[in-house]
Structures are given as C-alpha cells and as structure tokens.
Amino acid sequence: MDNIHPSVMTIAGSDSGGGAGIQADLRTFNACKVYGCSVITAVTSQNPNEVRRVDTLPSEAVKTQMESVLDAIPICFAKTGMLANRSIVECVSELAEKYALNVVVDPVMVSTSGAKLLEDTAIEAMQKSLFPLAGWITPNIPEAELICSRALTTPSELTDAALELHQKYRANIILKSGHRIMSDKVTDIVCYQGQLFSLSSPAAKVSGNTAHGTGCTLSAALAANLASGKNWQDALITAKAFVYGSLCENVLLSDTLSQMYPPEKNYFDQVILNRL
C-alpha cells in the first residue's frame, strides 16, 4: 500500500492543442508521480495562438463528474482551472465544501492569447464562494488586476496585492509575474500565512507562445507536490523548477540554446525563495 500514488483531481477546461487546461494538468500530475483524475468544465477549440470556440458543459455534468470520482477515490488535493460561468463556480464550490477538499485555485479568466474564459458574473461568484475555501490561490497579473480592481505595474504593487488577497480570503497566494517579466528573472510574489516571499527563477528565453500553459502547469505541480507530502516551501520550489525546466527543455531544439541550457542542468538550484 505504501507504493500507491496520491490521487489529485483537476477541474478545468479541455485544451485541444494540449498546452494548457486538463491536458497540461494531467501531464504534470504524471510527471510529479501522482494519480490524476479529471473533471471537464468546458471543451475549448484552441491552439497556442488562439481560442476559436468554447463549449461549456452543464453544471450538472460537472457535478456528476466530481461526485463520481469523490465517492470512489480518496482525492488528496483538487486543482481548479477554467470554470467558465457562475453556475459551474457555485457547483464546484458546493462540492469542495461538502467533501472538505484541499483546493488550489487557479482563477483562469483570460487565455494567454487574450480570449475571455470566465463570465463576468462568475468572477464575483468565485470571490464569494470558491476563494474562501482555497488553501492556495494562484492568479497571474491580469487576473489579480481583475480581482483587485486596479492596475498592478510595480513590484511594490504586486506585493501589496498578494497581501491584500491573503487577508481578504485567508488563503495562501502566489501572484505569478510571468506575463510581465521585469528583468532577467521571473519573480512571483508569495504570501504564506501573512508572510511575504519572492519566488524567482531565470527567465527562459523562449519564442512565440511556448509559454502557453505555464500557469496551469505551476498550479498543477503545486497541488501534486502538496499531495505528495512536501512542505509548502519544497512544493513551491519544485513546482517553479518544473515549469522553468519544462521551458528550458522545450528550447533545447535550438543548438545555441542547448548550450545555454544543457540537459544535465539542475533546475532546482536555479529557483530561489526569499523572505521579503
């Protein structure tokens, strides 16, 4: 029995291009050696460059998927991604509370390509129903701006926003800054139990939409690491290193970049968690 992997659930949309959503989450769970279960909220027709169509499932279909899994499989952690509308947000919140789930909430609101993935009325529902149940909330900068109702353009504004979100929802926060790299490092702001930290890795030199799905991947890796019993610091560092390493390995197709990021490089050594 000691060899049985922890079970983790992703509640998210399907990405037909495979770079984000359910596909990215399950791929990450597998890499992190946890057993992945899935609840699909919507079917998106997309590739890394654009979202062409979104077909949202009825909330009853989402509810039945969740109950079918939770009634039979001991889920250690659940990670939410694209929830699409108010009805699904409320359904997921109700079941998360009923089954006392440990939840990592990735408040997917807008795709990397700019497509809207969450209805306006659902944002309020997420703040009221789901955020207070979360152990971790992992917004990127555009999402944090929507939640906080203001622009976030400086490091101090990001720090203030992370602390504000923690105080308001009593959840731990990772404010992901990859959308706006301000230097040769990607530095996320972490607020854990009221204490502020920076979580940094070098900025991988990638082109185009190679970074599509990195937000999903970070949140999924965090959930998987926590489910595996890692403490919060190791869970964060491992998740960040997994994303950074994934980007570096992607660009190994380039001979020049392969010299910059040799395969034997220890990506964990490149991630730094510092108290602010």
Foldseek 3Di string as FASTA:
>chain_A
DVLAAAEEEEEWADEPQQQATPNLLCVLLVVLRHHYDYQHQWYWDDHLQDTDDIGGDPLVSSLVSVCVDLVPHPHQAYEYEQNQEQSNLQSVLVVCVVSVHAYEYEDHAAFPNGHGRHDPVNLVSCLPRPLLSYQEYEYEQVNLCVNVVHHQDDPVSQQVSQLVSCVSNVHKYWHWHPVPDPDQKGWIWTQDRNFIKIKIFGDQDDDDSLLGHLSNQLSSQLRSCVSRPDPNVVSNLVSVLVSVVVSLVVVCVDVVSCVVPPPVDDSSVRIDIGTD
